[in-house]
N, C-alpha and C. Protein backbone atom coordinates (compact mmCIF):
# COMPACT_ATOMS: atom_id res chain seq x y z
N UNK A 1 -5.10 154.70 135.82
CA UNK A 1 -6.15 154.50 136.39
C UNK A 1 -7.22 155.70 136.56
N UNK A 2 -6.74 156.69 136.03
CA UNK A 2 -7.70 158.12 135.90
C UNK A 2 -8.82 157.68 134.93
N UNK A 3 -8.02 157.05 133.56
CA UNK A 3 -9.03 156.79 132.59
C UNK A 3 -10.17 155.87 132.89
N UNK A 4 -9.70 154.93 133.83
CA UNK A 4 -10.76 153.74 134.44
C UNK A 4 -11.74 154.46 135.18
N UNK A 5 -11.26 155.42 136.14
CA UNK A 5 -12.41 156.07 137.05
C UNK A 5 -13.37 156.94 136.22
N UNK A 6 -12.88 157.64 135.11
CA UNK A 6 -13.71 158.33 134.17
C UNK A 6 -14.82 157.58 133.56
N UNK A 7 -14.36 156.36 133.28
CA UNK A 7 -15.48 155.33 132.46
C UNK A 7 -16.38 154.93 133.51
N UNK A 8 -15.98 154.78 134.70
CA UNK A 8 -16.67 154.17 135.95
C UNK A 8 -17.90 155.15 136.39
N UNK A 9 -17.21 156.67 136.42
CA UNK A 9 -18.27 157.39 136.71
C UNK A 9 -19.15 157.94 135.78
N UNK A 10 -18.89 157.87 134.48
CA UNK A 10 -19.61 158.10 133.27
C UNK A 10 -20.85 156.91 133.41
N UNK A 11 -20.49 155.74 133.69
CA UNK A 11 -21.50 154.57 133.59
C UNK A 11 -22.44 154.73 134.80
N UNK A 12 -22.02 155.10 135.95
CA UNK A 12 -23.08 155.15 137.22
C UNK A 12 -22.26 156.11 138.00
N UNK A 13 -22.80 157.40 137.85
CA UNK A 13 -22.30 158.54 138.63
C UNK A 13 -22.67 158.47 140.02
N UNK A 14 -23.42 157.86 140.64
CA UNK A 14 -24.01 157.58 141.70
C UNK A 14 -23.21 156.73 142.85
N UNK A 15 -22.10 156.02 142.31
CA UNK A 15 -21.58 155.30 143.25
C UNK A 15 -20.11 155.92 143.39
N UNK A 16 -19.63 155.95 144.71
CA UNK A 16 -18.39 156.24 145.11
C UNK A 16 -17.37 155.40 144.95
N UNK A 17 -16.67 155.32 143.57
CA UNK A 17 -15.86 154.24 143.22
C UNK A 17 -14.46 154.08 143.82
N UNK A 18 -14.13 155.52 144.20
CA UNK A 18 -12.93 155.43 144.99
C UNK A 18 -12.89 154.84 146.15
N UNK A 19 -13.87 155.03 147.10
CA UNK A 19 -13.81 154.38 148.58
C UNK A 19 -14.62 153.23 148.49
N UNK A 20 -15.41 152.69 147.58
CA UNK A 20 -15.99 151.58 147.77
C UNK A 20 -15.31 150.48 147.42
N UNK A 21 -15.29 149.16 148.17
CA UNK A 21 -14.40 147.97 148.05
C UNK A 21 -15.21 146.78 147.71
N UNK A 22 -16.50 146.77 147.59
CA UNK A 22 -17.02 145.76 147.26
C UNK A 22 -18.50 146.24 146.41
N UNK A 23 -18.20 146.48 145.33
CA UNK A 23 -18.79 147.28 144.22
C UNK A 23 -20.04 146.14 143.84
N UNK A 24 -19.42 144.83 143.50
CA UNK A 24 -20.27 143.80 143.19
C UNK A 24 -21.04 143.15 144.34
N UNK A 25 -20.37 142.95 145.44
CA UNK A 25 -20.59 142.11 146.54
C UNK A 25 -21.98 142.73 147.21
N UNK A 26 -21.73 143.98 147.39
CA UNK A 26 -22.75 144.95 148.06
C UNK A 26 -23.74 145.50 146.94
N UNK A 27 -23.77 145.10 145.69
CA UNK A 27 -24.78 145.25 144.85
C UNK A 27 -24.93 146.80 144.50
N UNK A 28 -23.69 147.40 144.53
CA UNK A 28 -23.67 149.09 144.04
C UNK A 28 -23.31 149.28 142.69
N UNK A 29 -23.05 147.94 142.03
CA UNK A 29 -23.05 148.06 140.45
C UNK A 29 -23.98 146.68 140.09
N UNK A 30 -24.64 146.85 138.94
CA UNK A 30 -25.58 145.72 138.61
C UNK A 30 -25.33 145.03 137.47
N UNK A 31 -25.57 144.03 136.76
CA UNK A 31 -25.11 143.39 135.76
C UNK A 31 -25.52 144.31 134.46
N UNK A 32 -26.03 145.14 134.43
CA UNK A 32 -26.13 146.27 133.18
C UNK A 32 -24.87 147.03 133.40
N UNK A 33 -24.64 147.81 134.68
CA UNK A 33 -23.41 148.42 134.75
C UNK A 33 -22.28 147.48 134.38
N UNK A 34 -22.14 146.14 134.81
CA UNK A 34 -20.97 145.64 134.81
C UNK A 34 -20.82 145.26 133.23
N UNK A 35 -22.02 144.96 132.40
CA UNK A 35 -21.66 144.80 130.90
C UNK A 35 -21.12 146.07 130.40
N UNK A 36 -21.70 147.12 130.67
CA UNK A 36 -21.11 148.41 130.08
C UNK A 36 -19.54 148.65 130.53
N UNK A 37 -19.22 148.43 131.69
CA UNK A 37 -18.02 148.56 132.05
C UNK A 37 -17.19 147.67 131.41
N UNK A 38 -17.44 146.41 131.19
CA UNK A 38 -16.55 145.61 130.52
C UNK A 38 -16.40 145.97 129.06
N UNK A 39 -17.40 146.32 128.24
CA UNK A 39 -17.42 146.82 127.05
C UNK A 39 -16.48 148.01 126.89
N UNK A 40 -16.77 148.93 127.67
CA UNK A 40 -15.72 150.20 127.60
C UNK A 40 -14.30 149.90 127.78
N UNK A 41 -14.07 149.02 128.83
CA UNK A 41 -12.75 148.56 129.15
C UNK A 41 -12.17 147.93 127.86
N UNK A 42 -12.83 146.96 127.29
CA UNK A 42 -12.40 146.53 126.10
C UNK A 42 -11.89 147.37 125.02
N UNK A 43 -12.69 148.29 124.80
CA UNK A 43 -12.48 149.30 123.77
C UNK A 43 -11.33 150.28 124.39
N UNK A 44 -11.33 150.78 125.13
CA UNK A 44 -10.47 151.81 125.68
C UNK A 44 -9.05 151.49 125.92
N UNK A 45 -9.03 150.19 126.44
CA UNK A 45 -7.41 149.74 126.81
C UNK A 45 -6.97 148.53 125.63
N UNK A 46 -8.15 148.23 124.65
CA UNK A 46 -7.66 147.41 123.81
C UNK A 46 -7.41 145.90 124.22
N UNK A 47 -8.27 145.50 125.07
CA UNK A 47 -8.07 144.12 125.66
C UNK A 47 -9.22 143.38 125.62
N UNK A 48 -9.36 141.92 125.65
CA UNK A 48 -10.40 141.14 125.56
C UNK A 48 -10.52 140.54 126.92
N UNK A 49 -11.65 140.66 127.52
CA UNK A 49 -12.12 140.36 128.83
C UNK A 49 -12.84 138.89 128.76
N UNK A 50 -12.26 137.86 128.91
CA UNK A 50 -13.03 136.46 128.83
C UNK A 50 -13.75 136.26 130.10
N UNK A 51 -14.85 135.38 130.02
CA UNK A 51 -15.73 135.01 131.15
C UNK A 51 -14.87 134.68 132.40
N UNK A 52 -13.79 134.04 132.34
CA UNK A 52 -12.92 133.73 133.34
C UNK A 52 -12.56 134.78 134.48
N UNK A 53 -12.50 135.89 133.90
CA UNK A 53 -12.02 137.44 134.59
C UNK A 53 -13.54 137.99 135.11
N UNK A 54 -14.67 137.54 134.69
CA UNK A 54 -15.78 138.37 135.14
C UNK A 54 -16.22 137.70 136.53
N UNK A 55 -15.46 138.09 137.37
CA UNK A 55 -15.82 137.54 138.77
C UNK A 55 -15.68 138.83 139.78
N UNK A 56 -16.53 138.67 140.98
CA UNK A 56 -16.39 139.76 142.06
C UNK A 56 -15.06 140.30 142.38
N UNK A 57 -14.00 139.29 142.37
CA UNK A 57 -12.75 139.48 142.65
C UNK A 57 -12.04 140.62 141.98
N UNK A 58 -12.54 140.32 140.49
CA UNK A 58 -11.77 141.31 139.63
C UNK A 58 -12.60 142.76 139.37
N UNK A 59 -13.82 142.66 139.96
CA UNK A 59 -14.72 143.86 139.56
C UNK A 59 -15.44 144.62 141.05
N UNK A 60 -15.05 143.92 142.14
CA UNK A 60 -15.34 144.55 143.42
C UNK A 60 -14.84 146.12 143.67
N UNK A 61 -13.40 146.27 143.12
CA UNK A 61 -13.00 147.87 143.39
C UNK A 61 -12.22 148.26 142.21
N UNK A 62 -11.87 149.54 142.12
CA UNK A 62 -11.30 150.02 141.13
C UNK A 62 -9.81 149.41 141.05
N UNK A 63 -9.17 149.13 142.35
CA UNK A 63 -7.99 148.67 142.23
C UNK A 63 -7.91 147.28 141.48
N UNK A 64 -8.81 146.55 141.79
CA UNK A 64 -9.06 145.04 141.29
C UNK A 64 -9.32 145.20 139.85
N UNK A 65 -10.18 146.35 139.18
CA UNK A 65 -10.39 146.26 137.86
C UNK A 65 -8.89 146.70 137.33
N UNK A 66 -8.30 147.81 137.91
CA UNK A 66 -7.04 148.10 137.33
C UNK A 66 -6.07 147.17 137.31
N UNK A 67 -6.01 146.12 138.19
CA UNK A 67 -4.99 145.01 138.18
C UNK A 67 -5.41 144.01 137.07
N UNK A 68 -6.60 143.86 137.08
CA UNK A 68 -7.31 142.86 135.78
C UNK A 68 -6.74 143.54 134.45
N UNK A 69 -6.96 144.85 134.13
CA UNK A 69 -6.37 145.54 133.04
C UNK A 69 -5.06 145.35 132.84
N UNK A 70 -4.24 145.56 133.87
CA UNK A 70 -2.93 145.60 133.63
C UNK A 70 -2.30 144.02 133.19
N UNK A 71 -3.13 143.06 133.93
CA UNK A 71 -2.87 141.80 133.49
C UNK A 71 -2.99 141.47 132.20
N UNK A 72 -4.09 141.87 131.69
CA UNK A 72 -4.77 141.71 130.25
C UNK A 72 -3.84 142.29 129.22
N UNK A 73 -3.29 143.47 129.65
CA UNK A 73 -2.44 144.18 128.69
C UNK A 73 -0.99 143.63 128.37
N UNK A 74 -0.66 142.87 129.01
CA UNK A 74 0.48 142.19 129.29
C UNK A 74 0.76 141.21 127.93
């Protein structure tokens, strides 16, 4: 999960990713951030994130993103 936090902080250092639980819902990250995050996650973790996974439920928190990554790596 540390690698995920490093990616998120690099993409948008102004967001408190550790304590925020509604990143998308509260518009703390925008579509450009999301696009960058998805691209970085695919490259770093060697996964393919289909559009069905691009939902607030999977992107609203670090924990949700990490769970999505773990699921896609299986």
